[in-house]
Amino acid sequence: MKSFFKVFIVSFLIFFLALYAGAATYLKKKNLNVGENLSFGFYEDEDIAKSLLNKLETKPIESKTYKSLKEAVEDNSRLNLLVLGIEDIRTDTILLASFNKDSKDLDVISIPRDTYVHRKGYNSGDQRKINSVYYNHDVEGVMKTVSYILSDIPIHHYLIIDYEGVKSIVDAVGGVEVDVPFDMKYEDISANPPVNIDIKKGVQVLDGKNALDFIRWRKANNKTGYIDGDLGRINTQQRFLTSLAGKIKENILPLITRTFKYVDTDMKLVDVLSNARNAIGIEDENINFRTLPGKSDMRLINGKLNSYYVHDQIGVKELVEEIYNVEKEE
């Protein structure tokens, strides 16, 4: 199953490299500490930035094979980045982007927002979904939870994308063409701000507002929606993001000043620059997109039936070991 922000995350990695390369030039001129978090969103010299990006490209080398996951993790050849899309107080999108700095392999794991997790002291039905962790424990709690689900692999950094940023990007590129699979209607006047989604079926160009409604829509007011639930939503979003990614790649530099303010990250400039020379030049065949192994399930919690996505621990272990290139046991 293709993941939410499938191609978008690749474009965002490139976006960040372009941003930080240009910012590095600015910081150097101003004699500022490149270890500080970047706190501005503008570009001083695009030509210098492009030149830096061209010099950073390197060739991939063959990935190592390991006898155990512990050995693979300790070798530290991968950089794991948690990407979150925030909706109000919950994480509407959760994915783990794992980049092998040697082989240039990028593996992206989509984690459904309804994934079942039971935290001590949080016993209600809605509190047992992974999308509720952010409200109680902030991004650090989500990082720990995702690490736990993914066989305790380390998560080195996070990247939070504000949905206002998605709207800004779509409008900046002049809209994105998609094929809407069916009429999408939903209204909630009690929400803050009120929600009013009304998108007709068929091929059309979506502006920023409608694009955001399109990727957020789950079901109508009468509870009808995707047959396969959130997985169907993820698959539909992928087609939208494939179209969006092409336009982003064509307009990376002009987009920087308009969208950086919508991104929150703990990555310091020196962190990104140290990996930039390895990340530039990722090819399509190096990119693999997955969904957390598991299945949908209904569980009775405090007398109320709740819908969850229950991850398969054995399947997750096998997936993580495959990503880290761990030898299979005979």
C-alpha atoms as a PDB file:
ATOM      1  CA  MET A   1       0.000   0.000   0.000  1.00  0.00           C
ATOM      2  CA  LYS A   2       1.349   3.426  -0.954  1.00  0.00           C
ATOM      3  CA  SER A   3       1.735   5.849   1.960  1.00  0.00           C
ATOM      4  CA  PHE A   4       0.398   9.305   2.743  1.00  0.00           C
ATOM      5  CA  PHE A   5       2.961  11.952   1.715  1.00  0.00           C
ATOM      6  CA  LYS A   6       4.562   9.246  -0.448  1.00  0.00           C
ATOM      7  CA  VAL A   7       6.337  11.391  -3.014  1.00  0.00           C
ATOM      8  CA  PHE A   8       5.825  14.553  -0.985  1.00  0.00           C
ATOM      9  CA  ILE A   9       8.380  13.491   1.618  1.00  0.00           C
ATOM     10  CA  VAL A  10      11.005  13.001  -1.082  1.00  0.00           C
ATOM     11  CA  SER A  11      10.311  16.473  -2.420  1.00  0.00           C
ATOM     12  CA  PHE A  12      10.454  17.852   1.092  1.00  0.00           C
ATOM     13  CA  LEU A  13      13.868  16.293   1.656  1.00  0.00           C
ATOM     14  CA  ILE A  14      15.087  17.976  -1.499  1.00  0.00           C
ATOM     15  CA  PHE A  15      13.309  21.156  -0.412  1.00  0.00           C
ATOM     16  CA  PHE A  16      15.176  21.170   2.893  1.00  0.00           C
ATOM     17  CA  LEU A  17      18.529  20.540   1.273  1.00  0.00           C
ATOM     18  CA  ALA A  18      17.987  23.467  -1.052  1.00  0.00           C
ATOM     19  CA  LEU A  19      16.895  25.653   1.828  1.00  0.00           C
ATOM     20  CA  TYR A  20      19.782  24.762   4.104  1.00  0.00           C
ATOM     21  CA  ALA A  21      22.373  25.023   1.356  1.00  0.00           C
ATOM     22  CA  GLY A  22      21.287  28.592   0.695  1.00  0.00           C
ATOM     23  CA  ALA A  23      21.001  29.309   4.405  1.00  0.00           C
ATOM     24  CA  ALA A  24      24.524  28.040   4.963  1.00  0.00           C
ATOM     25  CA  THR A  25      25.816  30.709   2.618  1.00  0.00           C
ATOM     26  CA  TYR A  26      23.832  33.345   4.476  1.00  0.00           C
ATOM     27  CA  LEU A  27      25.041  32.198   7.894  1.00  0.00           C
ATOM     28  CA  LYS A  28      28.623  32.129   6.716  1.00  0.00           C
ATOM     29  CA  LYS A  29      28.390  35.710   5.480  1.00  0.00           C
ATOM     30  CA  LYS A  30      26.822  36.798   8.762  1.00  0.00           C
ATOM     31  CA  ASN A  31      29.296  34.764  10.845  1.00  0.00           C
ATOM     32  CA  LEU A  32      26.441  32.949  12.612  1.00  0.00           C
ATOM     33  CA  ASN A  33      26.636  29.532  14.269  1.00  0.00           C
ATOM     34  CA  VAL A  34      25.633  26.838  11.779  1.00  0.00           C
ATOM     35  CA  GLY A  35      24.730  24.578  14.712  1.00  0.00           C
ATOM     36  CA  GLU A  36      21.761  26.750  15.606  1.00  0.00           C
ATOM     37  CA  ASN A  37      18.248  25.888  14.464  1.00  0.00           C
ATOM     38  CA  LEU A  38      17.288  27.844  11.385  1.00  0.00           C
ATOM     39  CA  SER A  39      14.783  30.508  12.430  1.00  0.00           C
ATOM     40  CA  PHE A  40      14.194  32.366   9.182  1.00  0.00           C
ATOM     41  CA  GLY A  41      12.618  31.435   5.866  1.00  0.00           C
ATOM     42  CA  PHE A  42      14.256  33.371   3.086  1.00  0.00           C
ATOM     43  CA  TYR A  43      16.819  32.828   0.375  1.00  0.00           C
ATOM     44  CA  GLU A  44      19.695  35.202  -0.222  1.00  0.00           C
ATOM     45  CA  ASP A  45      21.436  33.813  -3.297  1.00  0.00           C
ATOM     46  CA  GLU A  46      19.731  31.112  -5.397  1.00  0.00           C
ATOM     47  CA  ASP A  47      22.678  30.757  -7.790  1.00  0.00           C
ATOM     48  CA  ILE A  48      25.058  30.004  -4.908  1.00  0.00           C
ATOM     49  CA  ALA A  49      22.564  27.516  -3.487  1.00  0.00           C
ATOM     50  CA  LYS A  50      22.262  25.688  -6.811  1.00  0.00           C
ATOM     51  CA  SER A  51      26.047  25.555  -7.083  1.00  0.00           C
ATOM     52  CA  LEU A  52      26.307  24.066  -3.599  1.00  0.00           C
ATOM     53  CA  LEU A  53      23.710  21.422  -4.420  1.00  0.00           C
ATOM     54  CA  ASN A  54      25.575  20.391  -7.557  1.00  0.00           C
ATOM     55  CA  LYS A  55      28.797  19.927  -5.600  1.00  0.00           C
ATOM     56  CA  LEU A  56      27.115  17.791  -2.944  1.00  0.00           C
ATOM     57  CA  GLU A  57      26.104  14.842  -5.120  1.00  0.00           C
ATOM     58  CA  THR A  58      27.867  11.546  -4.459  1.00  0.00           C
ATOM     59  CA  LYS A  59      27.554   8.001  -5.769  1.00  0.00           C
ATOM     60  CA  PRO A  60      25.800   5.281  -3.736  1.00  0.00           C
ATOM     61  CA  ILE A  61      27.724   2.300  -2.403  1.00  0.00           C
ATOM     62  CA  GLU A  62      26.409  -1.199  -1.807  1.00  0.00           C
ATOM     63  CA  SER A  63      24.460  -1.636   1.415  1.00  0.00           C
ATOM     64  CA  LYS A  64      26.022  -3.815   4.119  1.00  0.00           C
ATOM     65  CA  THR A  65      24.467  -7.050   5.348  1.00  0.00           C
ATOM     66  CA  TYR A  66      24.062  -7.654   9.079  1.00  0.00           C
ATOM     67  CA  LYS A  67      23.511 -10.695  11.275  1.00  0.00           C
ATOM     68  CA  SER A  68      21.152  -8.909  13.682  1.00  0.00           C
ATOM     69  CA  LEU A  69      19.041  -5.773  13.912  1.00  0.00           C
ATOM     70  CA  LYS A  70      21.072  -4.639  16.918  1.00  0.00           C
ATOM     71  CA  GLU A  71      24.271  -4.807  14.868  1.00  0.00           C
ATOM     72  CA  ALA A  72      22.634  -2.923  11.993  1.00  0.00           C
ATOM     73  CA  VAL A  73      21.373  -0.136  14.265  1.00  0.00           C
ATOM     74  CA  GLU A  74      24.725   0.245  16.008  1.00  0.00           C
ATOM     75  CA  ASP A  75      26.450   0.607  12.644  1.00  0.00           C
ATOM     76  CA  ASN A  76      24.541   3.902  12.345  1.00  0.00           C
ATOM     77  CA  SER A  77      24.313   3.917   8.544  1.00  0.00           C
ATOM     78  CA  ARG A  78      20.684   5.041   8.578  1.00  0.00           C
ATOM     79  CA  LEU A  79      19.009   8.315   9.449  1.00  0.00           C
ATOM     80  CA  ASN A  80      15.424   7.932  10.695  1.00  0.00           C
ATOM     81  CA  LEU A  81      13.108  10.928  10.403  1.00  0.00           C
ATOM     82  CA  LEU A  82       9.588  11.058  11.881  1.00  0.00           C
ATOM     83  CA  VAL A  83       7.228  13.106   9.711  1.00  0.00           C
ATOM     84  CA  LEU A  84       3.967  14.339  11.247  1.00  0.00           C
ATOM     85  CA  GLY A  85       0.991  16.127   9.723  1.00  0.00           C
ATOM     86  CA  ILE A  86      -0.891  17.884  12.526  1.00  0.00           C
ATOM     87  CA  GLU A  87      -4.668  18.389  12.591  1.00  0.00           C
ATOM     88  CA  ASP A  88      -5.723  20.461  15.590  1.00  0.00           C
ATOM     89  CA  ILE A  89      -4.379  18.524  18.624  1.00  0.00           C
ATOM     90  CA  ARG A  90      -3.878  15.178  16.894  1.00  0.00           C
ATOM     91  CA  THR A  91      -1.491  13.706  14.366  1.00  0.00           C
ATOM     92  CA  ASP A  92      -3.484  13.099  11.196  1.00  0.00           C
ATOM     93  CA  THR A  93      -0.431  11.779   9.355  1.00  0.00           C
ATOM     94  CA  ILE A  94       2.416   9.709  10.790  1.00  0.00           C
ATOM     95  CA  LEU A  95       5.263   8.246   8.773  1.00  0.00           C
ATOM     96  CA  LEU A  96       8.837   7.173   9.313  1.00  0.00           C
ATOM     97  CA  ALA A  97      11.367   8.030   6.596  1.00  0.00           C
ATOM     98  CA  SER A  98      14.517   5.919   6.930  1.00  0.00           C
ATOM     99  CA  PHE A  99      17.467   6.956   4.753  1.00  0.00           C
ATOM    100  CA  ASN A 100      20.583   4.828   4.232  1.00  0.00           C
ATOM    101  CA  LYS A 101      23.411   7.315   3.793  1.00  0.00           C
ATOM    102  CA  ASP A 102      25.622   4.744   2.056  1.00  0.00           C
ATOM    103  CA  SER A 103      23.282   3.094  -0.459  1.00  0.00           C
ATOM    104  CA  LYS A 104      20.903   6.094  -0.801  1.00  0.00           C
ATOM    105  CA  ASP A 105      17.935   3.826  -0.129  1.00  0.00           C
ATOM    106  CA  LEU A 106      14.928   5.685   1.254  1.00  0.00           C
ATOM    107  CA  ASP A 107      12.257   3.587   2.979  1.00  0.00           C
ATOM    108  CA  VAL A 108       9.035   5.296   4.038  1.00  0.00           C
ATOM    109  CA  ILE A 109       6.649   3.543   6.433  1.00  0.00           C
ATOM    110  CA  SER A 110       3.120   4.919   6.766  1.00  0.00           C
ATOM    111  CA  ILE A 111       1.533   4.384  10.191  1.00  0.00           C
ATOM    112  CA  PRO A 112      -2.295   4.605  10.167  1.00  0.00           C
ATOM    113  CA  ARG A 113      -3.678   7.184  12.577  1.00  0.00           C
ATOM    114  CA  ASP A 114      -5.956   4.577  14.194  1.00  0.00           C
ATOM    115  CA  THR A 115      -3.080   2.234  15.110  1.00  0.00           C
ATOM    116  CA  TYR A 116      -3.824   0.668  18.509  1.00  0.00           C
ATOM    117  CA  VAL A 117      -1.550   1.633  21.407  1.00  0.00           C
ATOM    118  CA  HIS A 118      -2.433   1.296  25.084  1.00  0.00           C
ATOM    119  CA  ARG A 119      -0.582   3.699  27.339  1.00  0.00           C
ATOM    120  CA  LYS A 120      -0.752   3.236  31.097  1.00  0.00           C
ATOM    121  CA  GLY A 121      -3.392   5.540  32.526  1.00  0.00           C
ATOM    122  CA  TYR A 122      -4.994   6.322  29.167  1.00  0.00           C
ATOM    123  CA  ASN A 123      -7.838   3.835  28.966  1.00  0.00           C
ATOM    124  CA  SER A 124     -10.646   5.390  26.917  1.00  0.00           C
ATOM    125  CA  GLY A 125     -11.272   4.199  23.381  1.00  0.00           C
ATOM    126  CA  ASP A 126      -9.976   7.297  21.604  1.00  0.00           C
ATOM    127  CA  GLN A 127      -6.890   7.441  23.851  1.00  0.00           C
ATOM    128  CA  ARG A 128      -5.846   4.024  22.558  1.00  0.00           C
ATOM    129  CA  LYS A 129      -5.203   5.364  19.065  1.00  0.00           C
ATOM    130  CA  ILE A 130      -1.731   6.548  18.152  1.00  0.00           C
ATOM    131  CA  ASN A 131      -3.043   9.866  16.852  1.00  0.00           C
ATOM    132  CA  SER A 132      -3.926  10.856  20.448  1.00  0.00           C
ATOM    133  CA  VAL A 133      -0.350  10.547  21.778  1.00  0.00           C
ATOM    134  CA  TYR A 134       0.723  13.986  20.528  1.00  0.00           C
ATOM    135  CA  TYR A 135      -1.858  15.814  22.684  1.00  0.00           C
ATOM    136  CA  ASN A 136      -0.629  14.218  25.922  1.00  0.00           C
ATOM    137  CA  HIS A 137       3.100  13.771  25.262  1.00  0.00           C
ATOM    138  CA  ASP A 138       4.004  16.147  22.418  1.00  0.00           C
ATOM    139  CA  VAL A 139       6.326  15.098  19.591  1.00  0.00           C
ATOM    140  CA  GLU A 140       8.771  13.335  21.941  1.00  0.00           C
ATOM    141  CA  GLY A 141       6.002  10.971  23.003  1.00  0.00           C
ATOM    142  CA  VAL A 142       5.109  10.189  19.397  1.00  0.00           C
ATOM    143  CA  MET A 143       8.773   9.479  18.633  1.00  0.00           C
ATOM    144  CA  LYS A 144       8.994   7.026  21.535  1.00  0.00           C
ATOM    145  CA  THR A 145       5.722   5.340  20.561  1.00  0.00           C
ATOM    146  CA  VAL A 146       6.689   4.921  16.904  1.00  0.00           C
ATOM    147  CA  SER A 147      10.115   3.614  17.924  1.00  0.00           C
ATOM    148  CA  TYR A 148       8.446   1.065  20.218  1.00  0.00           C
ATOM    149  CA  ILE A 149       6.110  -0.127  17.459  1.00  0.00           C
ATOM    150  CA  LEU A 150       8.987  -0.389  14.965  1.00  0.00           C
ATOM    151  CA  SER A 151      11.080  -2.841  17.019  1.00  0.00           C
ATOM    152  CA  ASP A 152      12.759  -0.053  19.037  1.00  0.00           C
ATOM    153  CA  ILE A 153      14.748   1.404  16.153  1.00  0.00           C
ATOM    154  CA  PRO A 154      16.105   4.906  16.942  1.00  0.00           C
ATOM    155  CA  ILE A 155      14.355   7.991  15.595  1.00  0.00           C
ATOM    156  CA  HIS A 156      16.893  10.756  15.161  1.00  0.00           C
ATOM    157  CA  HIS A 157      14.812  13.784  14.145  1.00  0.00           C
ATOM    158  CA  TYR A 158      11.269  14.955  13.526  1.00  0.00           C
ATOM    159  CA  LEU A 159       9.582  17.124  10.946  1.00  0.00           C
ATOM    160  CA  ILE A 160       6.091  18.553  11.565  1.00  0.00           C
ATOM    161  CA  ILE A 161       4.154  19.895   8.595  1.00  0.00           C
ATOM    162  CA  ASP A 162       1.347  22.395   9.202  1.00  0.00           C
ATOM    163  CA  TYR A 163      -1.570  21.846   6.835  1.00  0.00           C
ATOM    164  CA  GLU A 164      -1.561  25.573   6.118  1.00  0.00           C
ATOM    165  CA  GLY A 165       1.783  24.837   4.504  1.00  0.00           C
ATOM    166  CA  VAL A 166       0.168  22.284   2.197  1.00  0.00           C
ATOM    167  CA  LYS A 167      -2.399  24.890   1.135  1.00  0.00           C
ATOM    168  CA  SER A 168       0.354  27.428   0.528  1.00  0.00           C
ATOM    169  CA  ILE A 169       2.401  24.997  -1.571  1.00  0.00           C
ATOM    170  CA  VAL A 170      -0.560  23.983  -3.747  1.00  0.00           C
ATOM    171  CA  ASP A 171      -1.550  27.601  -4.374  1.00  0.00           C
ATOM    172  CA  ALA A 172       2.071  28.529  -5.089  1.00  0.00           C
ATOM    173  CA  VAL A 173       2.305  25.961  -7.913  1.00  0.00           C
ATOM    174  CA  GLY A 174      -1.046  26.976  -9.393  1.00  0.00           C
ATOM    175  CA  GLY A 175      -3.105  24.042  -8.152  1.00  0.00           C
ATOM    176  CA  VAL A 176      -2.814  20.287  -8.686  1.00  0.00           C
ATOM    177  CA  GLU A 177      -4.806  18.071 -11.047  1.00  0.00           C
ATOM    178  CA  VAL A 178      -6.413  14.955  -9.534  1.00  0.00           C
ATOM    179  CA  ASP A 179      -9.129  12.435 -10.337  1.00  0.00           C
ATOM    180  CA  VAL A 180     -11.552  12.548  -7.387  1.00  0.00           C
ATOM    181  CA  PRO A 181     -12.970   8.992  -7.003  1.00  0.00           C
ATOM    182  CA  PHE A 182     -16.423  10.087  -5.745  1.00  0.00           C
ATOM    183  CA  ASP A 183     -18.287  13.101  -4.397  1.00  0.00           C
ATOM    184  CA  MET A 184     -16.755  14.230  -1.108  1.00  0.00           C
ATOM    185  CA  LYS A 185     -19.086  16.142   1.216  1.00  0.00           C
ATOM    186  CA  TYR A 186     -18.734  16.835   4.927  1.00  0.00           C
ATOM    187  CA  GLU A 187     -19.868  19.667   7.195  1.00  0.00           C
ATOM    188  CA  ASP A 188     -19.113  20.432  10.826  1.00  0.00           C
ATOM    189  CA  ILE A 189     -20.194  23.908  11.922  1.00  0.00           C
ATOM    190  CA  SER A 190     -19.128  23.220  15.504  1.00  0.00           C
ATOM    191  CA  ALA A 191     -15.467  22.861  14.529  1.00  0.00           C
ATOM    192  CA  ASN A 192     -13.062  25.760  14.992  1.00  0.00           C
ATOM    193  CA  PRO A 193     -12.813  26.860  12.275  1.00  0.00           C
ATOM    194  CA  PRO A 194     -16.000  25.320  10.778  1.00  0.00           C
ATOM    195  CA  VAL A 195     -15.434  22.544   8.225  1.00  0.00           C
ATOM    196  CA  ASN A 196     -17.268  22.587   4.898  1.00  0.00           C
ATOM    197  CA  ILE A 197     -15.985  20.075   2.330  1.00  0.00           C
ATOM    198  CA  ASP A 198     -17.748  19.852  -1.024  1.00  0.00           C
ATOM    199  CA  ILE A 199     -15.685  18.332  -3.870  1.00  0.00           C
ATOM    200  CA  LYS A 200     -17.314  16.766  -6.909  1.00  0.00           C
ATOM    201  CA  LYS A 201     -16.257  13.488  -8.502  1.00  0.00           C
ATOM    202  CA  GLY A 202     -14.018  13.626 -11.576  1.00  0.00           C
ATOM    203  CA  VAL A 203     -10.785  15.049 -12.994  1.00  0.00           C
ATOM    204  CA  GLN A 204     -10.139  18.616 -11.840  1.00  0.00           C
ATOM    205  CA  VAL A 205      -7.500  21.066 -10.635  1.00  0.00           C
ATOM    206  CA  LEU A 206      -7.650  21.611  -6.869  1.00  0.00           C
ATOM    207  CA  ASP A 207      -6.556  24.857  -5.256  1.00  0.00           C
ATOM    208  CA  GLY A 208      -4.989  24.959  -1.799  1.00  0.00           C
ATOM    209  CA  LYS A 209      -8.239  24.918   0.184  1.00  0.00           C
ATOM    210  CA  ASN A 210      -9.811  22.070  -1.788  1.00  0.00           C
ATOM    211  CA  ALA A 211      -6.539  20.144  -1.840  1.00  0.00           C
ATOM    212  CA  LEU A 212      -6.418  20.254   1.947  1.00  0.00           C
ATOM    213  CA  ASP A 213     -10.057  19.137   2.138  1.00  0.00           C
ATOM    214  CA  PHE A 214      -9.291  16.335  -0.313  1.00  0.00           C
ATOM    215  CA  ILE A 215      -6.441  14.813   1.699  1.00  0.00           C
ATOM    216  CA  ARG A 216      -8.275  15.236   5.015  1.00  0.00           C
ATOM    217  CA  TRP A 217     -11.669  13.807   3.975  1.00  0.00           C
ATOM    218  CA  ARG A 218     -12.467  10.454   5.591  1.00  0.00           C
ATOM    219  CA  LYS A 219     -16.260  10.077   5.453  1.00  0.00           C
ATOM    220  CA  ALA A 220     -19.521  11.953   4.907  1.00  0.00           C
ATOM    221  CA  ASN A 221     -21.930  13.071   7.617  1.00  0.00           C
ATOM    222  CA  ASN A 222     -23.954   9.883   7.064  1.00  0.00           C
ATOM    223  CA  LYS A 223     -20.790   7.851   7.965  1.00  0.00           C
ATOM    224  CA  THR A 224     -20.224   6.539   4.422  1.00  0.00           C
ATOM    225  CA  GLY A 225     -16.654   6.717   3.143  1.00  0.00           C
ATOM    226  CA  TYR A 226     -13.796   4.599   1.855  1.00  0.00           C
ATOM    227  CA  ILE A 227     -14.621   0.886   1.772  1.00  0.00           C
ATOM    228  CA  ASP A 228     -11.258  -0.001   3.310  1.00  0.00           C
ATOM    229  CA  GLY A 229     -11.232   2.912   5.746  1.00  0.00           C
ATOM    230  CA  ASP A 230      -8.064   4.891   6.338  1.00  0.00           C
ATOM    231  CA  LEU A 231      -6.048   2.671   3.996  1.00  0.00           C
ATOM    232  CA  GLY A 232      -8.325   3.725   1.126  1.00  0.00           C
ATOM    233  CA  ARG A 233      -7.820   7.338   2.116  1.00  0.00           C
ATOM    234  CA  ILE A 234      -4.060   6.865   2.113  1.00  0.00           C
ATOM    235  CA  ASN A 235      -4.146   5.318  -1.360  1.00  0.00           C
ATOM    236  CA  THR A 236      -6.210   8.176  -2.783  1.00  0.00           C
ATOM    237  CA  GLN A 237      -3.931  10.784  -1.250  1.00  0.00           C
ATOM    238  CA  GLN A 238      -0.943   9.130  -2.868  1.00  0.00           C
ATOM    239  CA  ARG A 239      -2.276   9.876  -6.330  1.00  0.00           C
ATOM    240  CA  PHE A 240      -2.742  13.508  -5.392  1.00  0.00           C
ATOM    241  CA  LEU A 241       0.749  13.768  -3.920  1.00  0.00           C
ATOM    242  CA  THR A 242       2.344  12.142  -6.944  1.00  0.00           C
ATOM    243  CA  SER A 243       0.946  14.980  -9.042  1.00  0.00           C
ATOM    244  CA  LEU A 244       1.946  17.580  -6.452  1.00  0.00           C
ATOM    245  CA  ALA A 245       5.513  16.290  -6.165  1.00  0.00           C
ATOM    246  CA  GLY A 246       6.198  16.889  -9.847  1.00  0.00           C
ATOM    247  CA  LYS A 247       5.277  20.544  -9.499  1.00  0.00           C
ATOM    248  CA  ILE A 248       7.256  20.939  -6.286  1.00  0.00           C
ATOM    249  CA  LYS A 249      10.419  19.677  -7.963  1.00  0.00           C
ATOM    250  CA  GLU A 250       9.967  22.268 -10.696  1.00  0.00           C
ATOM    251  CA  ASN A 251       9.456  25.123  -8.236  1.00  0.00           C
ATOM    252  CA  ILE A 252      11.586  24.311  -5.191  1.00  0.00           C
ATOM    253  CA  LEU A 253      13.431  27.608  -4.819  1.00  0.00           C
ATOM    254  CA  PRO A 254      10.427  29.959  -5.254  1.00  0.00           C
ATOM    255  CA  LEU A 255       8.482  27.879  -2.705  1.00  0.00           C
ATOM    256  CA  ILE A 256      11.017  28.211   0.081  1.00  0.00           C
ATOM    257  CA  THR A 257      10.060  31.626   1.425  1.00  0.00           C
ATOM    258  CA  ARG A 258       6.334  30.857   1.261  1.00  0.00           C
ATOM    259  CA  THR A 259       6.358  27.501   3.036  1.00  0.00           C
ATOM    260  CA  PHE A 260       9.241  27.259   5.516  1.00  0.00           C
ATOM    261  CA  LYS A 261       7.278  29.026   8.251  1.00  0.00           C
ATOM    262  CA  TYR A 262       4.791  26.142   8.237  1.00  0.00           C
ATOM    263  CA  VAL A 263       7.451  23.572   9.159  1.00  0.00           C
ATOM    264  CA  ASP A 264       8.733  22.710  12.638  1.00  0.00           C
ATOM    265  CA  THR A 265      11.817  20.537  13.048  1.00  0.00           C
ATOM    266  CA  ASP A 266      14.555  19.768  15.560  1.00  0.00           C
ATOM    267  CA  MET A 267      17.106  19.403  12.761  1.00  0.00           C
ATOM    268  CA  LYS A 268      19.956  21.844  13.031  1.00  0.00           C
ATOM    269  CA  LEU A 269      21.653  23.260   9.998  1.00  0.00           C
ATOM    270  CA  VAL A 270      24.780  21.199  10.633  1.00  0.00           C
ATOM    271  CA  ASP A 271      22.648  18.009  10.823  1.00  0.00           C
ATOM    272  CA  VAL A 272      21.177  18.571   7.380  1.00  0.00           C
ATOM    273  CA  LEU A 273      24.397  19.674   5.718  1.00  0.00           C
ATOM    274  CA  SER A 274      26.235  16.606   7.032  1.00  0.00           C
ATOM    275  CA  ASN A 275      23.732  14.369   5.225  1.00  0.00           C
ATOM    276  CA  ALA A 276      23.078  16.544   2.185  1.00  0.00           C
ATOM    277  CA  ARG A 277      25.954  15.180   0.089  1.00  0.00           C
ATOM    278  CA  ASN A 278      24.515  11.689   0.520  1.00  0.00           C
ATOM    279  CA  ALA A 279      20.860  12.542  -0.092  1.00  0.00           C
ATOM    280  CA  ILE A 280      21.161  14.480  -3.336  1.00  0.00           C
ATOM    281  CA  GLY A 281      20.683  12.268  -6.360  1.00  0.00           C
ATOM    282  CA  ILE A 282      18.220   9.728  -4.936  1.00  0.00           C
ATOM    283  CA  GLU A 283      16.753   7.726  -7.813  1.00  0.00           C
ATOM    284  CA  ASP A 284      13.224   6.295  -8.070  1.00  0.00           C
ATOM    285  CA  GLU A 285      14.523   2.741  -7.687  1.00  0.00           C
ATOM    286  CA  ASN A 286      16.053   3.679  -4.324  1.00  0.00           C
ATOM    287  CA  ILE A 287      12.678   4.634  -2.862  1.00  0.00           C
ATOM    288  CA  ASN A 288      10.426   2.084  -1.165  1.00  0.00           C
ATOM    289  CA  PHE A 289       7.036   2.864   0.347  1.00  0.00           C
ATOM    290  CA  ARG A 290       5.351   0.632   2.908  1.00  0.00           C
ATOM    291  CA  THR A 291       2.412   0.546   5.297  1.00  0.00           C
ATOM    292  CA  LEU A 292       2.795  -0.711   8.857  1.00  0.00           C
ATOM    293  CA  PRO A 293       1.975  -4.462   8.746  1.00  0.00           C
ATOM    294  CA  GLY A 294      -1.334  -5.204  10.455  1.00  0.00           C
ATOM    295  CA  LYS A 295      -5.095  -5.280   9.977  1.00  0.00           C
ATOM    296  CA  SER A 296      -8.258  -3.413  10.934  1.00  0.00           C
ATOM    297  CA  ASP A 297     -10.092  -4.652  14.019  1.00  0.00           C
ATOM    298  CA  MET A 298     -13.069  -3.741  16.226  1.00  0.00           C
ATOM    299  CA  ARG A 299     -12.563  -3.778  19.998  1.00  0.00           C
ATOM    300  CA  LEU A 300     -14.988  -3.223  22.870  1.00  0.00           C
ATOM    301  CA  ILE A 301     -13.558  -0.567  25.213  1.00  0.00           C
ATOM    302  CA  ASN A 302     -15.566   0.544  28.262  1.00  0.00           C
ATOM    303  CA  GLY A 303     -18.780  -0.740  26.728  1.00  0.00           C
ATOM    304  CA  LYS A 304     -18.234   1.021  23.377  1.00  0.00           C
ATOM    305  CA  LEU A 305     -17.127  -0.580  20.118  1.00  0.00           C
ATOM    306  CA  ASN A 306     -14.075   1.132  18.590  1.00  0.00           C
ATOM    307  CA  SER A 307     -12.324   0.714  15.232  1.00  0.00           C
ATOM    308  CA  TYR A 308      -8.540   0.247  15.303  1.00  0.00           C
ATOM    309  CA  TYR A 309      -5.622  -0.741  13.120  1.00  0.00           C
ATOM    310  CA  VAL A 310      -3.709  -3.461  14.991  1.00  0.00           C
ATOM    311  CA  HIS A 311      -0.090  -3.868  13.953  1.00  0.00           C
ATOM    312  CA  ASP A 312       1.422  -7.317  13.410  1.00  0.00           C
ATOM    313  CA  GLN A 313       4.529  -7.513  15.631  1.00  0.00           C
ATOM    314  CA  ILE A 314       6.093 -10.367  13.669  1.00  0.00           C
ATOM    315  CA  GLY A 315       5.381  -8.642  10.363  1.00  0.00           C
ATOM    316  CA  VAL A 316       6.829  -5.372  11.677  1.00  0.00           C
ATOM    317  CA  LYS A 317      10.006  -7.110  12.843  1.00  0.00           C
ATOM    318  CA  GLU A 318      10.441  -8.726   9.433  1.00  0.00           C
ATOM    319  CA  LEU A 319       9.850  -5.383   7.689  1.00  0.00           C
ATOM    320  CA  VAL A 320      12.361  -3.516   9.845  1.00  0.00           C
ATOM    321  CA  GLU A 321      14.981  -6.240   9.399  1.00  0.00           C
ATOM    322  CA  GLU A 322      14.446  -6.104   5.632  1.00  0.00           C
ATOM    323  CA  ILE A 323      14.942  -2.340   5.637  1.00  0.00           C
ATOM    324  CA  TYR A 324      18.114  -2.659   7.731  1.00  0.00           C
ATOM    325  CA  ASN A 325      19.352  -5.475   5.482  1.00  0.00           C
ATOM    326  CA  VAL A 326      19.503  -8.124   8.226  1.00  0.00           C
ATOM    327  CA  GLU A 327      20.114 -11.694   7.054  1.00  0.00           C
ATOM    328  CA  LYS A 328      17.044 -13.928   7.252  1.00  0.00           C
ATOM    329  CA  GLU A 329      17.215 -16.944   9.519  1.00  0.00           C
ATOM    330  CA  GLU A 330      17.067 -20.243   7.660  1.00  0.00           C
END
